[in-house]
Amino acid sequence: MAKQSIFGRIAQLAKANINAVLDEAEDPALMLDQMVRDYTNSIAEAESAIAQTIGNLRLLEQDHAEDIRNAADWGNKAIAASRKGDELRAAGNSTDADKFDNLAKVALGRQMAAEKEARTAEPTIASQTAVVNQLKTGLDAMRGKLSQLTSKRDELIARSKTAEAQRQVQDAVKSIDLLDPTSEISRFEDKIRREEAKVLGAQELAASSLDSQFEALEASDEQVELDARLAALKAGSPAPRSLGSGQ
């Protein structure tokens, strides 16, 4: 995966408008689950690619540091060879002095080559460092976006469960509506009322029968009094006192 494509993908995902995406989704919860998976996979791929980019940068930095050290070492060798040549020339040994001067030139040539390699690597190191910093920033943004996605998904799931619980409560309330004539409680209440009415009817019937008995008893008392008065009349004796008389 090229660095530029990685950076572009990270930038695109980091700038994604979650709310806008959810507004267009038929099922926001499923969309969030898919987005969480996509972001997780993209972050894993980005981390691997960025790690490789950082590794390459560190190798460049190590090579650059080695070129700097080599340049310094060849510089020291050139100095040492030049000084030795000066000493030999001062002692009258021009032939050997020239050899050390030539060694000094070789060392200086190696120093210049090492310095050139170091200078050549510096722009690449600088650009790679900038890319790595951009990738790290984008990766942090993606991780923050993933956290936002996860929180949004958890919020929607919690709201969905709350709505489902409310729906179940409403269904339960409807099922035990006492005013509903089709409810079991209403039918049971009607049955009890019919039983109560039956009892009231039986009581009324029993009271009616008792009244009839008392009426029959009163009629019997009147017949006894009539018979007694008739007997007294025939015997010529005064009529007996009425049952209702106070004397």
C-alpha atoms as a PDB file:
ATOM      1  CA  MET A   1       0.000   0.000   0.000  1.00  0.00           C
ATOM      2  CA  ALA A   2       1.539   3.283  -1.100  1.00  0.00           C
ATOM      3  CA  LYS A   3       2.112   6.024   1.425  1.00  0.00           C
ATOM      4  CA  GLN A   4       0.003   8.472  -0.548  1.00  0.00           C
ATOM      5  CA  SER A   5      -2.970   6.107  -0.766  1.00  0.00           C
ATOM      6  CA  ILE A   6      -2.697   5.376   2.963  1.00  0.00           C
ATOM      7  CA  PHE A   7      -2.657   9.063   3.764  1.00  0.00           C
ATOM      8  CA  GLY A   8      -5.636   9.708   1.485  1.00  0.00           C
ATOM      9  CA  ARG A   9      -7.682   6.920   3.015  1.00  0.00           C
ATOM     10  CA  ILE A  10      -6.864   8.012   6.558  1.00  0.00           C
ATOM     11  CA  ALA A  11      -7.823  11.593   5.735  1.00  0.00           C
ATOM     12  CA  GLN A  12     -11.097  10.468   4.127  1.00  0.00           C
ATOM     13  CA  LEU A  13     -12.123   8.285   7.057  1.00  0.00           C
ATOM     14  CA  ALA A  14     -11.052  10.827   9.663  1.00  0.00           C
ATOM     15  CA  LYS A  15     -13.183  13.534   8.024  1.00  0.00           C
ATOM     16  CA  ALA A  16     -16.271  11.325   7.584  1.00  0.00           C
ATOM     17  CA  ASN A  17     -19.483  12.895   8.862  1.00  0.00           C
ATOM     18  CA  ILE A  18     -21.000  10.137  10.962  1.00  0.00           C
ATOM     19  CA  ASN A  19     -24.366  11.857  11.469  1.00  0.00           C
ATOM     20  CA  ALA A  20     -24.766  12.465   7.742  1.00  0.00           C
ATOM     21  CA  VAL A  21     -24.031   8.820   7.004  1.00  0.00           C
ATOM     22  CA  LEU A  22     -26.533   7.674   9.638  1.00  0.00           C
ATOM     23  CA  ASP A  23     -29.228  10.007   8.303  1.00  0.00           C
ATOM     24  CA  GLU A  24     -29.055   8.211   4.958  1.00  0.00           C
ATOM     25  CA  ALA A  25     -28.972   4.710   6.460  1.00  0.00           C
ATOM     26  CA  GLU A  26     -32.069   2.513   6.519  1.00  0.00           C
ATOM     27  CA  ASP A  27     -30.786   0.751   9.645  1.00  0.00           C
ATOM     28  CA  PRO A  28     -28.408   3.058  11.606  1.00  0.00           C
ATOM     29  CA  ALA A  29     -27.380   0.303  14.036  1.00  0.00           C
ATOM     30  CA  LEU A  30     -26.284  -2.023  11.214  1.00  0.00           C
ATOM     31  CA  MET A  31     -24.561   0.872   9.469  1.00  0.00           C
ATOM     32  CA  LEU A  32     -22.637   1.731  12.657  1.00  0.00           C
ATOM     33  CA  ASP A  33     -21.588  -1.893  13.121  1.00  0.00           C
ATOM     34  CA  GLN A  34     -20.277  -1.950   9.548  1.00  0.00           C
ATOM     35  CA  MET A  35     -18.492   1.392  10.022  1.00  0.00           C
ATOM     36  CA  VAL A  36     -16.870   0.161  13.239  1.00  0.00           C
ATOM     37  CA  ARG A  37     -15.606  -2.924  11.400  1.00  0.00           C
ATOM     38  CA  ASP A  38     -14.342  -0.827   8.463  1.00  0.00           C
ATOM     39  CA  TYR A  39     -12.570   1.656  10.730  1.00  0.00           C
ATOM     40  CA  THR A  40     -11.051  -1.130  12.834  1.00  0.00           C
ATOM     41  CA  ASN A  41      -9.712  -2.893   9.731  1.00  0.00           C
ATOM     42  CA  SER A  42      -8.467   0.365   8.207  1.00  0.00           C
ATOM     43  CA  ILE A  43      -6.701   1.331  11.424  1.00  0.00           C
ATOM     44  CA  ALA A  44      -4.999  -2.061  11.560  1.00  0.00           C
ATOM     45  CA  GLU A  45      -3.843  -1.697   7.929  1.00  0.00           C
ATOM     46  CA  ALA A  46      -2.727   1.886   8.521  1.00  0.00           C
ATOM     47  CA  GLU A  47      -0.795   0.918  11.644  1.00  0.00           C
ATOM     48  CA  SER A  48       1.053  -1.782   9.700  1.00  0.00           C
ATOM     49  CA  ALA A  49       1.854   0.552   6.791  1.00  0.00           C
ATOM     50  CA  ILE A  50       2.888   3.415   9.059  1.00  0.00           C
ATOM     51  CA  ALA A  51       5.094   1.064  11.077  1.00  0.00           C
ATOM     52  CA  GLN A  52       6.838   0.069   7.829  1.00  0.00           C
ATOM     53  CA  THR A  53       7.197   3.725   6.815  1.00  0.00           C
ATOM     54  CA  ILE A  54       8.656   4.594  10.198  1.00  0.00           C
ATOM     55  CA  GLY A  55      11.008   1.620   9.932  1.00  0.00           C
ATOM     56  CA  ASN A  56      12.272   2.816   6.549  1.00  0.00           C
ATOM     57  CA  LEU A  57      12.746   6.322   7.967  1.00  0.00           C
ATOM     58  CA  ARG A  58      14.765   4.977  10.861  1.00  0.00           C
ATOM     59  CA  LEU A  59      16.991   3.058   8.437  1.00  0.00           C
ATOM     60  CA  LEU A  60      17.577   6.260   6.471  1.00  0.00           C
ATOM     61  CA  GLU A  61      18.413   8.069   9.709  1.00  0.00           C
ATOM     62  CA  GLN A  62      20.821   5.316  10.706  1.00  0.00           C
ATOM     63  CA  ASP A  63      22.529   5.441   7.292  1.00  0.00           C
ATOM     64  CA  HIS A  64      22.740   9.230   7.537  1.00  0.00           C
ATOM     65  CA  ALA A  65      24.256   9.017  11.001  1.00  0.00           C
ATOM     66  CA  GLU A  66      26.756   6.471   9.722  1.00  0.00           C
ATOM     67  CA  ASP A  67      27.693   8.749   6.810  1.00  0.00           C
ATOM     68  CA  ILE A  68      28.291  11.578   9.307  1.00  0.00           C
ATOM     69  CA  ARG A  69      30.485   9.314  11.424  1.00  0.00           C
ATOM     70  CA  ASN A  70      32.369   8.091   8.363  1.00  0.00           C
ATOM     71  CA  ALA A  71      32.946  11.638   7.193  1.00  0.00           C
ATOM     72  CA  ALA A  72      34.341  12.525  10.619  1.00  0.00           C
ATOM     73  CA  ASP A  73      36.535   9.403  10.685  1.00  0.00           C
ATOM     74  CA  TRP A  74      37.990  10.075   7.214  1.00  0.00           C
ATOM     75  CA  GLY A  75      38.546  13.659   8.213  1.00  0.00           C
ATOM     76  CA  ASN A  76      40.555  12.543  11.243  1.00  0.00           C
ATOM     77  CA  LYS A  77      42.533  10.104   9.081  1.00  0.00           C
ATOM     78  CA  ALA A  78      43.281  12.866   6.575  1.00  0.00           C
ATOM     79  CA  ILE A  79      44.541  15.075   9.393  1.00  0.00           C
ATOM     80  CA  ALA A  80      46.716  12.296  10.791  1.00  0.00           C
ATOM     81  CA  ALA A  81      48.199  11.451   7.366  1.00  0.00           C
ATOM     82  CA  SER A  82      48.851  15.123   6.580  1.00  0.00           C
ATOM     83  CA  ARG A  83      50.614  15.664   9.889  1.00  0.00           C
ATOM     84  CA  LYS A  84      52.745  12.572   9.343  1.00  0.00           C
ATOM     85  CA  GLY A  85      53.666  13.843   5.878  1.00  0.00           C
ATOM     86  CA  ASP A  86      54.646  17.214   7.324  1.00  0.00           C
ATOM     87  CA  GLU A  87      56.821  15.518   9.920  1.00  0.00           C
ATOM     88  CA  LEU A  88      58.597  13.408   7.290  1.00  0.00           C
ATOM     89  CA  ARG A  89      59.057  16.403   4.992  1.00  0.00           C
ATOM     90  CA  ALA A  90      60.502  18.393   7.851  1.00  0.00           C
ATOM     91  CA  ALA A  91      62.917  15.501   8.479  1.00  0.00           C
ATOM     92  CA  GLY A  92      64.018  15.628   4.843  1.00  0.00           C
ATOM     93  CA  ASN A  93      62.138  12.508   3.765  1.00  0.00           C
ATOM     94  CA  SER A  94      60.160  13.922   0.869  1.00  0.00           C
ATOM     95  CA  THR A  95      59.370  10.573  -0.722  1.00  0.00           C
ATOM     96  CA  ASP A  96      57.597   9.165   2.304  1.00  0.00           C
ATOM     97  CA  ALA A  97      56.071  12.585   2.995  1.00  0.00           C
ATOM     98  CA  ASP A  98      54.462  12.530  -0.438  1.00  0.00           C
ATOM     99  CA  LYS A  99      53.015   9.063   0.285  1.00  0.00           C
ATOM    100  CA  PHE A 100      51.296  10.344   3.461  1.00  0.00           C
ATOM    101  CA  ASP A 101      50.101  13.433   1.659  1.00  0.00           C
ATOM    102  CA  ASN A 102      48.556  11.157  -0.957  1.00  0.00           C
ATOM    103  CA  LEU A 103      46.916   9.118   1.848  1.00  0.00           C
ATOM    104  CA  ALA A 104      45.558  12.343   3.263  1.00  0.00           C
ATOM    105  CA  LYS A 105      44.046  13.151  -0.139  1.00  0.00           C
ATOM    106  CA  VAL A 106      42.446   9.692  -0.328  1.00  0.00           C
ATOM    107  CA  ALA A 107      40.973  10.182   3.160  1.00  0.00           C
ATOM    108  CA  LEU A 108      39.691  13.629   2.194  1.00  0.00           C
ATOM    109  CA  GLY A 109      38.078  12.111  -0.911  1.00  0.00           C
ATOM    110  CA  ARG A 110      36.348   9.484   1.234  1.00  0.00           C
ATOM    111  CA  GLN A 111      35.267  12.237   3.634  1.00  0.00           C
ATOM    112  CA  MET A 112      33.751  14.253   0.786  1.00  0.00           C
ATOM    113  CA  ALA A 113      31.878  11.170  -0.527  1.00  0.00           C
ATOM    114  CA  ALA A 114      30.438  10.437   2.927  1.00  0.00           C
ATOM    115  CA  GLU A 115      29.396  14.068   3.373  1.00  0.00           C
ATOM    116  CA  LYS A 116      27.722  14.031  -0.043  1.00  0.00           C
ATOM    117  CA  GLU A 117      25.763  10.891   0.811  1.00  0.00           C
ATOM    118  CA  ALA A 118      24.690  12.496   4.074  1.00  0.00           C
ATOM    119  CA  ARG A 119      23.564  15.673   2.309  1.00  0.00           C
ATOM    120  CA  THR A 120      21.700  13.676  -0.346  1.00  0.00           C
ATOM    121  CA  ALA A 121      19.764  11.721   2.296  1.00  0.00           C
ATOM    122  CA  GLU A 122      18.741  14.780   4.329  1.00  0.00           C
ATOM    123  CA  PRO A 123      15.869  15.992   2.058  1.00  0.00           C
ATOM    124  CA  THR A 124      14.475  12.460   1.876  1.00  0.00           C
ATOM    125  CA  ILE A 125      14.680  12.123   5.640  1.00  0.00           C
ATOM    126  CA  ALA A 126      12.943  15.472   6.090  1.00  0.00           C
ATOM    127  CA  SER A 127      10.107  14.581   3.688  1.00  0.00           C
ATOM    128  CA  GLN A 128       9.692  11.113   5.189  1.00  0.00           C
ATOM    129  CA  THR A 129       9.578  12.621   8.678  1.00  0.00           C
ATOM    130  CA  ALA A 130       6.799  14.987   7.566  1.00  0.00           C
ATOM    131  CA  VAL A 131       4.859  12.094   6.023  1.00  0.00           C
ATOM    132  CA  VAL A 132       5.211  10.003   9.176  1.00  0.00           C
ATOM    133  CA  ASN A 133       3.978  12.886  11.315  1.00  0.00           C
ATOM    134  CA  GLN A 134       0.979  13.372   9.018  1.00  0.00           C
ATOM    135  CA  LEU A 135       0.202   9.662   9.114  1.00  0.00           C
ATOM    136  CA  LYS A 136       0.453   9.600  12.908  1.00  0.00           C
ATOM    137  CA  THR A 137      -1.892  12.589  13.175  1.00  0.00           C
ATOM    138  CA  GLY A 138      -4.365  10.998  10.782  1.00  0.00           C
ATOM    139  CA  LEU A 139      -4.165   7.695  12.623  1.00  0.00           C
ATOM    140  CA  ASP A 140      -4.917   9.426  15.925  1.00  0.00           C
ATOM    141  CA  ALA A 141      -7.918  11.098  14.260  1.00  0.00           C
ATOM    142  CA  MET A 142      -9.132   7.723  12.995  1.00  0.00           C
ATOM    143  CA  ARG A 143      -8.813   6.238  16.476  1.00  0.00           C
ATOM    144  CA  GLY A 144     -10.821   9.151  17.855  1.00  0.00           C
ATOM    145  CA  LYS A 145     -13.438   8.632  15.153  1.00  0.00           C
ATOM    146  CA  LEU A 146     -13.605   4.935  15.986  1.00  0.00           C
ATOM    147  CA  SER A 147     -14.194   5.809  19.636  1.00  0.00           C
ATOM    148  CA  GLN A 148     -16.961   8.189  18.535  1.00  0.00           C
ATOM    149  CA  LEU A 149     -18.494   5.481  16.366  1.00  0.00           C
ATOM    150  CA  THR A 150     -18.410   2.961  19.198  1.00  0.00           C
ATOM    151  CA  SER A 151     -20.032   5.409  21.614  1.00  0.00           C
ATOM    152  CA  LYS A 152     -22.691   6.297  19.037  1.00  0.00           C
ATOM    153  CA  ARG A 153     -23.419   2.631  18.418  1.00  0.00           C
ATOM    154  CA  ASP A 154     -23.699   1.916  22.163  1.00  0.00           C
ATOM    155  CA  GLU A 155     -26.011   4.920  22.539  1.00  0.00           C
ATOM    156  CA  LEU A 156     -28.284   3.743  19.731  1.00  0.00           C
ATOM    157  CA  ILE A 157     -28.371   0.198  21.080  1.00  0.00           C
ATOM    158  CA  ALA A 158     -29.287   1.500  24.556  1.00  0.00           C
ATOM    159  CA  ARG A 159     -32.020   3.717  23.085  1.00  0.00           C
ATOM    160  CA  SER A 160     -33.323   0.803  21.036  1.00  0.00           C
ATOM    161  CA  LYS A 161     -33.510  -1.417  24.117  1.00  0.00           C
ATOM    162  CA  THR A 162     -35.282   1.338  26.056  1.00  0.00           C
ATOM    163  CA  ALA A 163     -37.816   1.776  23.266  1.00  0.00           C
ATOM    164  CA  GLU A 164     -38.411  -1.977  23.142  1.00  0.00           C
ATOM    165  CA  ALA A 165     -38.903  -2.079  26.920  1.00  0.00           C
ATOM    166  CA  GLN A 166     -41.396   0.782  26.698  1.00  0.00           C
ATOM    167  CA  ARG A 167     -43.255  -1.013  23.935  1.00  0.00           C
ATOM    168  CA  GLN A 168     -43.470  -4.182  26.026  1.00  0.00           C
ATOM    169  CA  VAL A 169     -44.789  -2.201  28.984  1.00  0.00           C
ATOM    170  CA  GLN A 170     -47.427  -0.576  26.798  1.00  0.00           C
ATOM    171  CA  ASP A 171     -48.458  -3.962  25.446  1.00  0.00           C
ATOM    172  CA  ALA A 172     -48.699  -5.313  28.987  1.00  0.00           C
ATOM    173  CA  VAL A 173     -50.821  -2.359  30.094  1.00  0.00           C
ATOM    174  CA  LYS A 174     -53.174  -2.874  27.171  1.00  0.00           C
ATOM    175  CA  SER A 175     -53.540  -6.549  28.006  1.00  0.00           C
ATOM    176  CA  ILE A 176     -54.781  -5.788  31.542  1.00  0.00           C
ATOM    177  CA  ASP A 177     -57.075  -2.858  30.694  1.00  0.00           C
ATOM    178  CA  LEU A 178     -59.938  -3.190  33.205  1.00  0.00           C
ATOM    179  CA  LEU A 179     -62.225  -1.121  30.984  1.00  0.00           C
ATOM    180  CA  ASP A 180     -61.790  -3.452  28.054  1.00  0.00           C
ATOM    181  CA  PRO A 181     -65.020  -5.499  27.778  1.00  0.00           C
ATOM    182  CA  THR A 182     -63.096  -8.317  26.144  1.00  0.00           C
ATOM    183  CA  SER A 183     -60.598  -8.664  28.969  1.00  0.00           C
ATOM    184  CA  GLU A 184     -60.541 -11.731  31.233  1.00  0.00           C
ATOM    185  CA  ILE A 185     -61.093  -9.572  34.329  1.00  0.00           C
ATOM    186  CA  SER A 186     -64.165  -7.948  32.770  1.00  0.00           C
ATOM    187  CA  ARG A 187     -65.656 -11.334  31.913  1.00  0.00           C
ATOM    188  CA  PHE A 188     -64.946 -12.597  35.426  1.00  0.00           C
ATOM    189  CA  GLU A 189     -66.593  -9.496  36.894  1.00  0.00           C
ATOM    190  CA  ASP A 190     -69.702 -10.104  34.765  1.00  0.00           C
ATOM    191  CA  LYS A 191     -69.870 -13.670  36.028  1.00  0.00           C
ATOM    192  CA  ILE A 192     -69.686 -12.509  39.647  1.00  0.00           C
ATOM    193  CA  ARG A 193     -72.419  -9.927  39.042  1.00  0.00           C
ATOM    194  CA  ARG A 194     -74.656 -12.640  37.615  1.00  0.00           C
ATOM    195  CA  GLU A 195     -74.018 -14.793  40.673  1.00  0.00           C
ATOM    196  CA  GLU A 196     -74.810 -11.841  42.945  1.00  0.00           C
ATOM    197  CA  ALA A 197     -78.036 -11.177  41.029  1.00  0.00           C
ATOM    198  CA  LYS A 198     -78.997 -14.817  41.409  1.00  0.00           C
ATOM    199  CA  VAL A 199     -78.480 -14.613  45.158  1.00  0.00           C
ATOM    200  CA  LEU A 200     -80.559 -11.426  45.338  1.00  0.00           C
ATOM    201  CA  GLY A 201     -83.316 -13.157  43.401  1.00  0.00           C
ATOM    202  CA  ALA A 202     -83.260 -16.121  45.732  1.00  0.00           C
ATOM    203  CA  GLN A 203     -83.422 -13.831  48.758  1.00  0.00           C
ATOM    204  CA  GLU A 204     -86.339 -11.930  47.270  1.00  0.00           C
ATOM    205  CA  LEU A 205     -88.130 -15.168  46.486  1.00  0.00           C
ATOM    206  CA  ALA A 206     -87.545 -16.441  49.997  1.00  0.00           C
ATOM    207  CA  ALA A 207     -88.874 -13.184  51.476  1.00  0.00           C
ATOM    208  CA  SER A 208     -91.975 -13.422  49.298  1.00  0.00           C
ATOM    209  CA  SER A 209     -92.664 -16.968  50.510  1.00  0.00           C
ATOM    210  CA  LEU A 210     -92.278 -15.882  54.158  1.00  0.00           C
ATOM    211  CA  ASP A 211     -94.761 -13.034  53.655  1.00  0.00           C
ATOM    212  CA  SER A 212     -97.264 -15.515  52.238  1.00  0.00           C
ATOM    213  CA  GLN A 213     -96.884 -17.711  55.293  1.00  0.00           C
ATOM    214  CA  PHE A 214     -97.556 -14.809  57.667  1.00  0.00           C
ATOM    215  CA  GLU A 215    -100.544 -13.761  55.588  1.00  0.00           C
ATOM    216  CA  ALA A 216    -101.894 -17.315  55.812  1.00  0.00           C
ATOM    217  CA  LEU A 217    -101.363 -17.303  59.599  1.00  0.00           C
ATOM    218  CA  GLU A 218    -103.258 -14.028  59.954  1.00  0.00           C
ATOM    219  CA  ALA A 219    -106.080 -15.426  57.809  1.00  0.00           C
ATOM    220  CA  SER A 220    -106.227 -18.486  60.077  1.00  0.00           C
ATOM    221  CA  ASP A 221    -106.535 -16.297  63.215  1.00  0.00           C
ATOM    222  CA  GLU A 222    -109.448 -14.395  61.692  1.00  0.00           C
ATOM    223  CA  GLN A 223    -111.244 -17.658  60.865  1.00  0.00           C
ATOM    224  CA  VAL A 224    -110.845 -18.871  64.479  1.00  0.00           C
ATOM    225  CA  GLU A 225    -112.331 -15.635  65.801  1.00  0.00           C
ATOM    226  CA  LEU A 226    -115.231 -15.872  63.379  1.00  0.00           C
ATOM    227  CA  ASP A 227    -115.994 -19.430  64.443  1.00  0.00           C
ATOM    228  CA  ALA A 228    -115.863 -18.444  68.150  1.00  0.00           C
ATOM    229  CA  ARG A 229    -118.223 -15.529  67.665  1.00  0.00           C
ATOM    230  CA  LEU A 230    -120.655 -17.686  65.769  1.00  0.00           C
ATOM    231  CA  ALA A 231    -120.660 -20.271  68.549  1.00  0.00           C
ATOM    232  CA  ALA A 232    -121.219 -17.577  71.179  1.00  0.00           C
ATOM    233  CA  LEU A 233    -124.019 -16.094  69.143  1.00  0.00           C
ATOM    234  CA  LYS A 234    -125.804 -19.386  68.950  1.00  0.00           C
ATOM    235  CA  ALA A 235    -125.351 -19.948  72.709  1.00  0.00           C
ATOM    236  CA  GLY A 236    -126.678 -16.503  73.478  1.00  0.00           C
ATOM    237  CA  SER A 237    -123.514 -15.439  75.273  1.00  0.00           C
ATOM    238  CA  PRO A 238    -121.661 -12.197  74.562  1.00  0.00           C
ATOM    239  CA  ALA A 239    -119.101 -12.293  71.744  1.00  0.00           C
ATOM    240  CA  PRO A 240    -115.535 -12.914  72.808  1.00  0.00           C
ATOM    241  CA  ARG A 241    -113.141  -9.995  72.747  1.00  0.00           C
ATOM    242  CA  SER A 242    -111.199  -9.400  69.601  1.00  0.00           C
ATOM    243  CA  LEU A 243    -107.600 -10.465  69.554  1.00  0.00           C
ATOM    244  CA  GLY A 244    -106.645  -6.940  68.790  1.00  0.00           C
ATOM    245  CA  SER A 245    -108.688  -5.455  71.746  1.00  0.00           C
ATOM    246  CA  GLY A 246    -106.766  -3.744  74.503  1.00  0.00           C
ATOM    247  CA  GLN A 247    -109.366  -4.755  77.213  1.00  0.00           C
END
